[in-house]
Amino acid sequence: MKERVMIHKIKAHYDEGNGLKIRAIERQLCISRNTVRKYLGMDEAAVEVRKSH
């Protein structure tokens, strides 16, 4: 659940490239830019599938 919320926040900030840059999201949410990139590449359903295995 926590990851799904984080993915939603990151995608809302990024807004398909029209919003904040990855570095700005990193600073705002206090997470690494690698994590931001990882979550931008995922969808919220993928998190549920990944946790079930």
N, C-alpha and C. Protein backbone atom coordinates (compact mmCIF):
# COMPACT_ATOMS: atom_id res chain seq x y z
N MET A 1 0.82 -1.19 0.00
CA MET A 1 0.00 0.00 0.00
C MET A 1 0.87 1.26 0.00
N LYS A 2 1.92 1.25 0.82
CA LYS A 2 2.80 2.40 0.93
C LYS A 2 3.47 2.71 -0.41
N GLU A 3 3.95 1.66 -1.10
CA GLU A 3 4.60 1.86 -2.40
C GLU A 3 3.62 2.42 -3.42
N ARG A 4 2.39 1.95 -3.37
CA ARG A 4 1.39 2.41 -4.33
C ARG A 4 1.13 3.91 -4.16
N VAL A 5 1.09 4.35 -2.92
CA VAL A 5 0.90 5.78 -2.64
C VAL A 5 2.10 6.57 -3.16
N MET A 6 3.30 6.04 -2.94
CA MET A 6 4.51 6.73 -3.39
C MET A 6 4.54 6.82 -4.92
N ILE A 7 4.17 5.75 -5.61
CA ILE A 7 4.11 5.77 -7.07
C ILE A 7 3.14 6.84 -7.54
N HIS A 8 1.99 6.91 -6.90
CA HIS A 8 0.98 7.90 -7.28
C HIS A 8 1.53 9.32 -7.08
N LYS A 9 2.21 9.58 -5.96
CA LYS A 9 2.78 10.91 -5.70
C LYS A 9 3.83 11.27 -6.75
N ILE A 10 4.71 10.31 -7.04
CA ILE A 10 5.78 10.57 -8.01
C ILE A 10 5.20 10.86 -9.38
N LYS A 11 4.25 10.05 -9.81
CA LYS A 11 3.65 10.25 -11.14
C LYS A 11 2.88 11.56 -11.20
N ALA A 12 2.24 11.95 -10.11
CA ALA A 12 1.53 13.23 -10.08
C ALA A 12 2.52 14.40 -10.20
N HIS A 13 3.66 14.29 -9.55
CA HIS A 13 4.67 15.35 -9.63
C HIS A 13 5.30 15.39 -11.02
N TYR A 14 5.53 14.23 -11.60
CA TYR A 14 6.20 14.15 -12.90
C TYR A 14 5.27 14.53 -14.04
N ASP A 15 4.04 14.07 -14.01
CA ASP A 15 3.00 14.42 -14.97
C ASP A 15 3.46 14.25 -16.42
N GLU A 16 4.00 13.05 -16.72
CA GLU A 16 4.43 12.72 -18.09
C GLU A 16 5.41 13.74 -18.66
N GLY A 17 6.30 14.25 -17.85
CA GLY A 17 7.33 15.16 -18.33
C GLY A 17 6.94 16.62 -18.30
N ASN A 18 5.69 16.94 -18.03
CA ASN A 18 5.25 18.33 -18.01
C ASN A 18 5.36 18.95 -16.63
N GLY A 19 5.66 18.13 -15.64
CA GLY A 19 5.75 18.62 -14.26
C GLY A 19 7.19 18.80 -13.84
N LEU A 20 7.48 18.34 -12.64
CA LEU A 20 8.82 18.48 -12.09
C LEU A 20 9.80 17.49 -12.72
N LYS A 21 11.05 17.86 -12.70
CA LYS A 21 12.10 16.95 -13.16
C LYS A 21 12.39 15.93 -12.05
N ILE A 22 13.05 14.84 -12.44
CA ILE A 22 13.35 13.76 -11.50
C ILE A 22 14.13 14.28 -10.29
N ARG A 23 15.10 15.14 -10.52
CA ARG A 23 15.90 15.68 -9.41
C ARG A 23 15.04 16.49 -8.44
N ALA A 24 14.09 17.25 -8.96
CA ALA A 24 13.21 18.05 -8.09
C ALA A 24 12.30 17.14 -7.27
N ILE A 25 11.81 16.07 -7.89
CA ILE A 25 10.96 15.12 -7.17
C ILE A 25 11.78 14.45 -6.06
N GLU A 26 13.01 14.10 -6.39
CA GLU A 26 13.92 13.48 -5.41
C GLU A 26 14.07 14.37 -4.18
N ARG A 27 14.32 15.64 -4.40
CA ARG A 27 14.51 16.56 -3.29
C ARG A 27 13.23 16.76 -2.49
N GLN A 28 12.12 16.87 -3.19
CA GLN A 28 10.84 17.14 -2.52
C GLN A 28 10.37 15.97 -1.67
N LEU A 29 10.55 14.74 -2.16
CA LEU A 29 10.06 13.57 -1.45
C LEU A 29 11.13 12.89 -0.59
N CYS A 30 12.36 13.41 -0.65
CA CYS A 30 13.48 12.86 0.15
C CYS A 30 13.72 11.38 -0.15
N ILE A 31 13.76 11.04 -1.43
CA ILE A 31 14.10 9.68 -1.86
C ILE A 31 15.15 9.79 -2.96
N SER A 32 15.83 8.71 -3.26
CA SER A 32 16.88 8.76 -4.28
C SER A 32 16.28 8.87 -5.68
N ARG A 33 17.05 9.43 -6.60
CA ARG A 33 16.54 9.57 -7.97
C ARG A 33 16.40 8.22 -8.64
N ASN A 34 17.19 7.23 -8.21
CA ASN A 34 17.03 5.88 -8.76
C ASN A 34 15.66 5.32 -8.38
N THR A 35 15.22 5.60 -7.16
CA THR A 35 13.90 5.16 -6.72
C THR A 35 12.82 5.87 -7.52
N VAL A 36 13.01 7.16 -7.78
CA VAL A 36 12.04 7.91 -8.59
C VAL A 36 11.94 7.28 -9.97
N ARG A 37 13.07 6.98 -10.58
CA ARG A 37 13.07 6.36 -11.92
C ARG A 37 12.39 5.00 -11.89
N LYS A 38 12.68 4.21 -10.86
CA LYS A 38 12.09 2.88 -10.74
C LYS A 38 10.57 2.98 -10.66
N TYR A 39 10.08 3.89 -9.83
CA TYR A 39 8.63 4.02 -9.66
C TYR A 39 7.96 4.65 -10.88
N LEU A 40 8.66 5.52 -11.60
CA LEU A 40 8.08 6.07 -12.83
C LEU A 40 7.89 4.98 -13.88
N GLY A 41 8.74 3.97 -13.84
CA GLY A 41 8.64 2.87 -14.79
C GLY A 41 7.59 1.83 -14.41
N MET A 42 7.04 1.94 -13.22
CA MET A 42 6.04 0.97 -12.75
C MET A 42 4.64 1.56 -12.83
N ASP A 43 3.67 0.68 -12.81
CA ASP A 43 2.31 1.15 -12.58
C ASP A 43 1.87 0.59 -11.23
N GLU A 44 0.81 1.12 -10.68
CA GLU A 44 0.39 0.74 -9.33
C GLU A 44 -0.02 -0.72 -9.25
N ALA A 45 -0.54 -1.30 -10.32
CA ALA A 45 -0.93 -2.71 -10.33
C ALA A 45 0.29 -3.62 -10.25
N ALA A 46 1.41 -3.19 -10.81
CA ALA A 46 2.64 -3.99 -10.79
C ALA A 46 3.14 -4.19 -9.36
N VAL A 47 2.91 -3.23 -8.51
CA VAL A 47 3.34 -3.35 -7.11
C VAL A 47 2.58 -4.47 -6.43
N GLU A 48 1.28 -4.55 -6.67
CA GLU A 48 0.47 -5.60 -6.05
C GLU A 48 0.91 -6.98 -6.53
N VAL A 49 1.20 -7.12 -7.81
CA VAL A 49 1.65 -8.40 -8.37
C VAL A 49 2.99 -8.78 -7.78
N ARG A 50 3.89 -7.82 -7.69
CA ARG A 50 5.23 -8.07 -7.18
C ARG A 50 5.18 -8.52 -5.72
N LYS A 51 4.31 -7.93 -4.92
CA LYS A 51 4.23 -8.28 -3.50
C LYS A 51 3.60 -9.65 -3.28
N SER A 52 2.76 -10.10 -4.20
CA SER A 52 2.08 -11.38 -4.01
C SER A 52 2.99 -12.57 -4.25
N HIS A 53 4.15 -12.36 -4.88
CA HIS A 53 5.07 -13.47 -5.14
C HIS A 53 6.12 -13.58 -4.10
